[in-house]
Amino acid sequence: MKKIIIVLSVTLFTSFSYAQDSYKSSTGYVYKVGDIIQLGEPIGYHNGLRKSTFTIKWKSVFSDQNKIIRDMNLVNMRANILKIDTKNEVKLYFEINNIKYYLLIEKALRLGELKFSESR
């Protein structure tokens, strides 16, 4: 019985250490579950026009199945943060049109693929 309690305690502790309710980014802003984020533009995309002939894709936004996203309809979309995962690279999980996505927060900020939403 003691072993079961110890195993359950360790499991709960490790799950709480990876999922948090908030995260303070390198820019100093604190992102919390329930906050609204606004996606910016991927590199090579400008005012709806492509700057290059390369396939434009998000460098920091992925689907829940870890697929690369090429959907340019996400530019300037807003979504609520559903979950924050701090394991390895910090991920913010969100959902748009019943599709679950996550973004690597520090990479998104560095590349300009995440904007500050005015409705924060």
Protein backbone atom coordinates (compact mmCIF):
# COMPACT_ATOMS: atom_id res chain seq x y z
CA MET A 1 0.00 0.00 0.00
CA LYS A 2 2.86 2.37 0.85
CA LYS A 3 4.45 1.74 -2.54
CA ILE A 4 1.23 2.63 -4.34
CA ILE A 5 0.94 5.91 -2.43
CA ILE A 6 4.56 6.77 -3.20
CA VAL A 7 4.15 5.98 -6.91
CA LEU A 8 0.95 8.05 -7.12
CA SER A 9 2.59 10.96 -5.31
CA VAL A 10 5.58 10.95 -7.65
CA THR A 11 3.30 10.72 -10.69
CA LEU A 12 1.19 13.67 -9.54
CA PHE A 13 4.27 15.73 -8.73
CA THR A 14 5.86 15.17 -12.15
CA SER A 15 2.63 15.95 -13.98
CA PHE A 16 2.27 19.24 -12.11
CA SER A 17 5.88 20.18 -12.79
CA TYR A 18 5.33 20.01 -16.57
CA ALA A 19 1.90 21.66 -16.87
CA GLN A 20 1.48 25.10 -15.39
CA ASP A 21 -1.20 27.76 -15.29
CA SER A 22 1.19 30.57 -16.29
CA TYR A 23 4.56 31.26 -17.89
CA LYS A 24 6.73 34.37 -17.85
CA SER A 25 8.37 34.80 -21.25
CA SER A 26 11.81 36.24 -21.98
CA THR A 27 10.05 39.50 -22.93
CA GLY A 28 8.71 39.72 -19.38
CA TYR A 29 5.05 39.15 -20.19
CA VAL A 30 3.18 36.53 -18.18
CA TYR A 31 0.96 34.22 -20.26
CA LYS A 32 -1.83 32.48 -18.35
CA VAL A 33 -4.32 29.75 -19.19
CA GLY A 34 -7.42 31.53 -20.48
CA ASP A 35 -5.50 34.53 -21.90
CA ILE A 36 -6.04 35.45 -25.53
CA ILE A 37 -3.10 35.21 -27.92
CA GLN A 38 -2.95 36.57 -31.45
CA LEU A 39 -0.85 34.89 -34.10
CA GLY A 40 1.44 37.07 -36.17
CA GLU A 41 2.82 36.40 -39.65
CA PRO A 42 5.25 33.66 -40.62
CA ILE A 43 8.51 34.71 -42.24
CA GLY A 44 8.03 35.38 -45.96
CA TYR A 45 4.40 36.49 -45.61
CA HIS A 46 3.57 40.17 -45.86
CA ASN A 47 0.09 41.75 -46.05
CA GLY A 48 -1.32 38.61 -47.61
CA LEU A 49 1.42 38.37 -50.23
CA ARG A 50 4.34 36.03 -50.32
CA LYS A 51 7.77 37.64 -50.41
CA SER A 52 9.38 34.55 -51.87
CA THR A 53 8.64 31.52 -53.96
CA PHE A 54 9.43 29.15 -51.06
CA THR A 55 6.59 27.34 -49.37
CA ILE A 56 5.64 29.50 -46.43
CA LYS A 57 5.03 27.71 -43.18
CA TRP A 58 4.92 28.53 -39.51
CA LYS A 59 8.23 27.84 -37.81
CA SER A 60 6.78 27.81 -34.27
CA VAL A 61 3.16 26.63 -34.72
CA PHE A 62 2.31 22.94 -34.97
CA SER A 63 -0.84 20.86 -34.90
CA ASP A 64 -1.57 18.58 -31.98
CA GLN A 65 -0.32 15.71 -34.15
CA ASN A 66 3.05 17.51 -34.48
CA LYS A 67 2.47 18.39 -38.14
CA ILE A 68 3.93 21.45 -39.84
CA ILE A 69 1.27 24.11 -40.45
CA ARG A 70 1.02 25.92 -43.79
CA ASP A 71 -2.45 27.45 -43.27
CA MET A 72 -2.06 31.20 -43.83
CA ASN A 73 -5.64 31.77 -42.62
CA LEU A 74 -4.19 31.66 -39.11
CA VAL A 75 -2.53 35.08 -39.58
CA ASN A 76 -4.00 37.51 -37.03
CA MET A 77 -6.28 34.82 -35.57
CA ARG A 78 -6.97 35.01 -31.85
CA ALA A 79 -7.39 32.07 -29.51
CA ASN A 80 -7.56 31.28 -25.81
CA ILE A 81 -4.63 29.52 -24.20
CA LEU A 82 -5.89 26.09 -23.12
CA LYS A 83 -2.74 24.66 -21.57
CA ILE A 84 0.88 25.60 -20.89
CA ASP A 85 3.51 22.86 -21.03
CA THR A 86 6.95 23.68 -19.65
CA LYS A 87 8.59 20.33 -20.46
CA ASN A 88 11.64 21.00 -22.70
CA GLU A 89 10.58 23.96 -24.90
CA VAL A 90 7.61 25.83 -23.44
CA LYS A 91 4.43 25.22 -25.44
CA LEU A 92 1.17 27.17 -25.41
CA TYR A 93 -1.79 25.04 -26.50
CA PHE A 94 -4.82 26.63 -28.19
CA GLU A 95 -7.69 25.70 -30.50
CA ILE A 96 -9.03 27.36 -33.66
CA ASN A 97 -12.01 25.97 -35.59
CA ASN A 98 -11.97 22.74 -33.56
CA ILE A 99 -8.35 22.06 -34.50
CA LYS A 100 -5.86 21.88 -31.66
CA TYR A 101 -2.50 23.62 -32.08
CA TYR A 102 0.47 24.50 -29.97
CA LEU A 103 3.26 26.99 -30.41
CA LEU A 104 6.75 27.17 -29.05
CA ILE A 105 6.42 30.46 -27.18
CA GLU A 106 10.03 31.69 -27.16
CA LYS A 107 10.57 30.79 -30.82
CA ALA A 108 7.27 32.42 -31.79
CA LEU A 109 8.22 35.65 -30.01
CA ARG A 110 11.69 35.67 -31.57
CA LEU A 111 10.30 35.16 -35.11
CA GLY A 112 7.33 37.51 -34.75
CA GLU A 113 4.82 34.69 -35.19
CA LEU A 114 3.03 35.78 -32.01
CA LYS A 115 1.64 39.25 -31.42
CA PHE A 116 0.34 40.87 -28.29
CA SER A 117 -3.44 40.71 -28.49
CA GLU A 118 -5.14 44.04 -27.86
CA SER A 119 -7.93 42.32 -25.95
CA ARG A 120 -5.67 41.00 -23.21
